[in-house]
N, C-alpha and C. Protein backbone atom coordinates (compact mmCIF):
# COMPACT_ATOMS: atom_id res chain seq x y z
N MET A 1 122.56 50.33 95.28
CA MET A 1 123.80 51.16 94.60
C MET A 1 125.32 50.73 95.27
N THR A 2 126.26 50.61 94.20
CA THR A 2 127.71 50.14 94.77
C THR A 2 128.39 51.51 95.44
N ILE A 3 129.04 51.53 95.85
CA ILE A 3 130.16 52.41 96.24
C ILE A 3 130.87 53.41 95.42
N GLY A 4 131.12 52.52 94.48
CA GLY A 4 131.67 53.21 93.01
C GLY A 4 130.60 54.07 92.20
N GLN A 5 129.51 53.48 92.31
CA GLN A 5 128.68 54.36 91.95
C GLN A 5 128.03 55.61 92.92
N ARG A 6 128.37 55.20 94.00
CA ARG A 6 128.11 56.40 95.09
C ARG A 6 128.89 57.60 95.07
N ILE A 7 129.84 57.23 94.62
CA ILE A 7 131.21 58.21 94.95
C ILE A 7 131.14 58.92 93.42
N ILE A 8 130.75 58.25 92.43
CA ILE A 8 130.40 58.82 90.88
C ILE A 8 129.40 59.98 90.99
N ARG A 9 128.19 59.66 91.67
CA ARG A 9 127.17 60.37 91.80
C ARG A 9 127.40 61.71 92.89
N LEU A 10 128.07 61.53 93.86
CA LEU A 10 128.73 62.37 94.89
C LEU A 10 129.56 63.38 94.00
N VAL A 11 130.61 62.95 92.94
CA VAL A 11 131.59 63.72 92.55
C VAL A 11 130.72 64.65 91.00
N LEU A 12 129.83 63.89 90.73
CA LEU A 12 128.77 64.55 89.54
C LEU A 12 127.93 65.66 90.47
N ASP A 13 127.41 65.12 91.76
CA ASP A 13 126.74 66.33 92.45
C ASP A 13 127.56 67.50 92.50
N LEU A 14 128.74 67.28 92.79
CA LEU A 14 129.83 68.53 93.21
C LEU A 14 130.11 69.44 92.06
N PHE A 15 130.32 68.63 91.04
CA PHE A 15 130.59 69.57 89.79
C PHE A 15 129.39 70.28 89.20
N GLY A 16 128.02 69.50 89.73
CA GLY A 16 126.66 70.39 89.14
C GLY A 16 126.78 71.64 90.20
N LEU A 17 126.79 71.49 91.47
CA LEU A 17 126.84 72.79 92.29
C LEU A 17 127.56 73.62 91.90
N ILE A 18 129.10 73.48 91.47
CA ILE A 18 130.25 74.09 91.23
C ILE A 18 129.73 74.62 89.63
N TYR A 19 129.23 74.00 88.59
CA TYR A 19 128.51 74.57 87.60
C TYR A 19 127.41 75.61 87.55
N ILE A 20 126.59 75.51 88.69
CA ILE A 20 125.61 76.33 88.98
C ILE A 20 125.92 77.39 89.68
N SER A 21 127.18 77.34 90.21
CA SER A 21 127.81 78.59 90.96
C SER A 21 128.16 79.57 90.13
N ILE A 22 129.02 78.84 88.91
CA ILE A 22 129.66 79.93 88.01
C ILE A 22 128.77 80.05 87.08
N GLU A 23 127.58 79.17 86.63
CA GLU A 23 126.75 79.48 85.62
C GLU A 23 126.17 80.74 85.60
N LYS A 24 125.58 81.17 86.59
CA LYS A 24 124.83 82.28 86.67
C LYS A 24 125.28 83.67 86.20
N TYR A 25 126.69 83.33 86.29
CA TYR A 25 127.41 84.64 85.72
C TYR A 25 127.96 84.84 84.40
N VAL A 26 127.49 83.87 83.66
CA VAL A 26 127.75 83.75 82.06
C VAL A 26 126.88 84.61 81.43
N LYS A 27 126.76 85.26 80.33
CA LYS A 27 126.15 86.17 79.80
C LYS A 27 126.24 85.32 78.51
N TYR A 28 124.52 84.49 78.26
CA TYR A 28 124.08 83.97 77.20
C TYR A 28 123.67 85.02 75.96
N PRO A 29 124.00 84.39 75.00
CA PRO A 29 123.52 85.05 73.60
C PRO A 29 122.01 84.87 73.41
N ASN A 30 121.42 85.54 72.74
CA ASN A 30 120.27 85.47 72.43
C ASN A 30 119.57 84.51 71.90
N ASP A 31 119.47 83.84 72.49
CA ASP A 31 118.91 82.40 72.32
C ASP A 31 117.43 82.45 71.98
N GLY A 32 116.58 82.90 71.36
CA GLY A 32 115.52 83.16 71.14
C GLY A 32 114.49 82.12 70.29
N GLU A 33 115.39 81.49 69.56
CA GLU A 33 115.72 80.34 68.98
C GLU A 33 116.31 79.36 69.19
N VAL A 34 116.26 78.09 69.34
CA VAL A 34 117.30 77.03 69.86
C VAL A 34 116.79 75.80 68.79
N LEU A 35 117.61 75.47 68.28
CA LEU A 35 117.48 74.38 67.15
C LEU A 35 116.41 74.44 66.31
N GLY A 36 115.94 75.80 65.60
CA GLY A 36 114.59 75.61 65.19
C GLY A 36 113.32 75.97 65.80
N VAL A 37 113.38 75.77 67.11
CA VAL A 37 112.27 76.15 67.99
C VAL A 37 112.23 77.27 68.64
N GLY A 38 111.42 78.20 68.41
CA GLY A 38 110.97 79.48 68.83
C GLY A 38 111.19 79.51 70.57
N ILE A 39 111.73 80.23 71.13
CA ILE A 39 111.28 80.16 72.90
C ILE A 39 111.01 81.45 73.05
N ASP A 40 109.54 81.51 73.50
CA ASP A 40 108.83 82.53 74.36
C ASP A 40 109.66 83.50 75.18
N GLY A 41 109.43 84.69 74.87
CA GLY A 41 110.42 85.54 75.79
C GLY A 41 110.41 85.47 77.24
N ASP A 42 109.51 85.37 77.95
CA ASP A 42 109.27 84.94 79.29
C ASP A 42 109.83 83.76 79.90
N LEU A 43 110.45 82.94 78.86
CA LEU A 43 111.00 81.95 79.25
C LEU A 43 112.67 82.22 79.27
N HIS A 44 112.90 82.80 78.07
CA HIS A 44 114.17 83.53 77.81
C HIS A 44 114.64 84.31 78.83
N LYS A 45 113.88 85.07 79.86
CA LYS A 45 114.34 85.82 80.49
C LYS A 45 115.05 85.25 82.06
N MET A 46 114.31 83.76 82.16
CA MET A 46 114.25 83.07 83.31
C MET A 46 115.21 82.41 83.24
N SER A 47 115.99 82.57 84.67
CA SER A 47 117.16 81.98 85.45
C SER A 47 117.05 80.45 85.19
N ARG A 48 117.93 79.67 85.28
CA ARG A 48 117.93 78.33 85.44
C ARG A 48 116.89 77.54 86.44
N GLN A 49 117.16 78.41 87.61
CA GLN A 49 116.38 78.04 88.88
C GLN A 49 115.02 78.52 88.33
N GLN A 50 114.55 79.32 87.85
CA GLN A 50 113.27 79.77 87.43
C GLN A 50 112.82 78.84 86.59
N LEU A 51 113.43 78.30 85.62
CA LEU A 51 112.90 77.45 84.76
C LEU A 51 113.08 76.25 85.20
N CYS A 52 113.57 75.71 86.02
CA CYS A 52 113.42 74.33 86.60
C CYS A 52 112.09 74.40 87.62
N ARG A 53 111.98 75.71 88.48
CA ARG A 53 110.82 75.88 89.36
C ARG A 53 109.33 75.66 88.25
N TYR A 54 109.47 76.47 87.09
CA TYR A 54 108.33 76.37 85.90
C TYR A 54 108.02 74.86 85.76
N MET A 55 109.20 74.23 85.63
CA MET A 55 108.89 72.61 85.05
C MET A 55 108.51 71.91 86.42
N ASP A 56 108.80 72.21 87.38
CA ASP A 56 108.14 71.33 88.68
C ASP A 56 106.59 71.91 88.69
N ALA A 57 106.17 73.13 88.12
CA ALA A 57 104.90 73.59 88.53
C ALA A 57 103.85 73.04 87.26
N VAL A 58 104.30 72.56 86.13
CA VAL A 58 103.55 71.85 84.95
C VAL A 58 103.95 70.26 85.10
N LEU A 59 104.93 69.79 85.66
CA LEU A 59 105.23 68.55 85.54
C LEU A 59 104.14 67.43 86.93
N PRO A 60 103.93 66.38 86.34
CA PRO A 60 102.91 66.00 87.77
C PRO A 60 104.02 65.44 88.95
N LYS A 61 105.16 65.79 88.81
CA LYS A 61 105.72 65.85 90.14
C LYS A 61 107.02 66.67 90.00
N SER A 62 107.52 67.57 91.38
CA SER A 62 108.51 68.41 91.35
C SER A 62 110.00 67.47 91.60
N GLY A 63 110.78 68.22 91.56
CA GLY A 63 112.18 67.94 91.65
C GLY A 63 112.95 67.78 90.42
N PHE A 64 112.47 68.55 89.31
CA PHE A 64 113.51 68.87 88.34
C PHE A 64 114.59 69.22 88.54
N PHE A 65 115.04 70.34 89.46
CA PHE A 65 116.24 70.88 89.50
C PHE A 65 116.98 69.60 89.83
N ASP A 66 116.65 68.96 90.84
CA ASP A 66 117.57 67.94 90.97
C ASP A 66 118.06 66.70 90.55
N LEU A 67 117.21 66.62 89.14
CA LEU A 67 117.68 65.35 88.24
C LEU A 67 118.76 65.62 87.60
N GLN A 68 119.75 64.72 87.23
CA GLN A 68 120.72 64.53 86.53
C GLN A 68 120.39 64.95 84.97
N SER A 69 121.56 65.63 84.39
CA SER A 69 121.26 66.17 83.60
C SER A 69 120.86 65.13 82.06
N THR A 70 121.20 63.87 82.10
CA THR A 70 121.02 62.72 81.31
C THR A 70 119.40 62.09 81.45
N THR A 71 119.09 62.77 82.64
CA THR A 71 117.64 62.08 83.12
C THR A 71 116.70 63.23 82.62
N LYS A 72 117.02 64.43 82.80
CA LYS A 72 116.45 65.76 82.20
C LYS A 72 116.20 65.52 80.49
N ILE A 73 117.35 65.50 79.78
CA ILE A 73 117.20 65.20 78.61
C ILE A 73 115.90 63.92 78.21
N ARG A 74 116.19 62.89 78.79
CA ARG A 74 115.17 61.77 78.84
C ARG A 74 113.97 62.08 78.98
N LEU A 75 113.96 62.93 79.77
CA LEU A 75 112.27 63.28 80.06
C LEU A 75 111.95 64.37 79.30
N GLY A 76 112.71 65.16 78.57
CA GLY A 76 112.51 66.18 77.22
C GLY A 76 112.15 65.30 75.97
N CYS A 77 112.61 64.19 76.11
CA CYS A 77 112.37 63.12 74.67
C CYS A 77 111.13 62.78 75.05
N GLN A 78 110.76 62.41 75.90
CA GLN A 78 109.50 61.55 76.46
C GLN A 78 108.59 62.43 75.93
N LEU A 79 108.71 63.52 76.53
CA LEU A 79 107.55 64.91 76.78
C LEU A 79 107.54 65.11 75.00
N LEU A 80 108.52 65.46 73.99
CA LEU A 80 108.17 65.42 72.74
C LEU A 80 108.01 64.31 72.10
N ARG A 81 108.05 63.37 72.40
CA ARG A 81 107.21 62.06 71.58
C ARG A 81 105.87 61.82 72.45
N ASN A 82 105.50 62.36 73.57
CA ASN A 82 104.16 62.41 73.70
C ASN A 82 103.11 63.66 73.18
N PHE A 83 104.22 64.56 72.90
CA PHE A 83 103.37 65.91 72.02
C PHE A 83 103.29 65.16 70.64
N HIS A 84 104.35 64.75 69.90
CA HIS A 84 104.08 64.18 68.59
C HIS A 84 102.71 63.00 68.18
N LEU A 85 102.93 62.46 69.24
CA LEU A 85 101.65 61.54 69.37
C LEU A 85 100.59 62.27 69.32
N VAL A 86 100.20 62.91 70.44
CA VAL A 86 99.01 63.71 70.68
C VAL A 86 98.91 64.20 69.04
N LYS A 87 99.92 65.05 68.73
CA LYS A 87 99.53 66.15 67.43
C LYS A 87 99.26 64.82 66.58
N LYS A 88 99.77 63.74 66.07
CA LYS A 88 99.68 62.73 64.81
C LYS A 88 97.86 62.06 65.27
N GLN A 89 97.71 61.76 66.44
CA GLN A 89 96.39 61.73 66.67
C GLN A 89 95.42 62.49 66.28
N LEU A 90 96.01 64.00 66.82
CA LEU A 90 94.90 65.15 66.30
C LEU A 90 94.57 65.24 64.68
N ASN A 91 95.76 64.90 64.14
CA ASN A 91 95.94 65.16 62.54
C ASN A 91 95.12 64.05 61.82
N ASP A 92 94.88 62.40 62.54
CA ASP A 92 94.06 61.52 61.84
C ASP A 92 92.99 61.48 62.34
N ASN A 93 92.48 62.34 63.49
CA ASN A 93 91.11 62.43 63.71
C ASN A 93 90.33 63.62 62.62
N LYS A 94 91.44 64.50 62.43
CA LYS A 94 90.80 65.68 61.44
C LYS A 94 90.67 64.73 59.84
N VAL A 95 91.38 63.86 59.68
CA VAL A 95 91.44 63.34 58.30
C VAL A 95 90.01 62.48 58.41
N GLN A 96 89.69 61.98 59.65
CA GLN A 96 88.61 60.86 59.82
C GLN A 96 87.49 61.94 59.52
N PHE A 97 87.66 63.22 60.43
CA PHE A 97 86.31 63.70 60.25
C PHE A 97 86.07 64.52 58.78
N SER A 98 87.10 64.76 58.15
CA SER A 98 87.00 65.61 56.91
C SER A 98 86.62 64.01 55.86
N GLN A 99 86.40 63.22 55.79
CA GLN A 99 86.58 61.90 54.96
C GLN A 99 84.95 61.37 55.36
N ALA A 100 84.41 61.62 56.51
CA ALA A 100 83.17 61.47 56.96
C ALA A 100 82.22 62.29 56.65
N GLY A 101 82.70 63.80 56.35
CA GLY A 101 82.06 64.68 55.65
C GLY A 101 81.29 64.52 54.21
N LYS A 102 82.74 64.17 53.65
CA LYS A 102 82.94 63.94 52.23
C LYS A 102 81.62 62.63 52.01
N ARG A 103 81.63 61.48 52.93
CA ARG A 103 80.55 60.31 53.05
C ARG A 103 78.78 60.55 52.91
N ASP A 104 79.09 61.91 53.59
CA ASP A 104 77.56 62.41 54.03
C ASP A 104 76.60 63.41 52.93
N GLU A 105 77.88 63.94 52.10
CA GLU A 105 77.44 64.70 50.67
C GLU A 105 76.69 64.09 49.77
């Protein structure tokens, strides 16, 4: 990593620490739904740090809290892609099973 990139990361980390320090005092509106997705009550009540710990508990490796914002978004996109792929495969299997049942009749 170049010196320029190290300086940029240092500044981002510094701003991140400042943001986290200030953010815990913000009163958020009821975001029980975010972009059309319902948010479970237990997740809604968690702090940023608790949410990151939750992510660490369910992901293959810990360290979610320390990731840069864009990396977290990228991870979220990949998890959604994986979810939709599994969902599509389940639907495809359901169609195959229903068609197989019709052939047996």
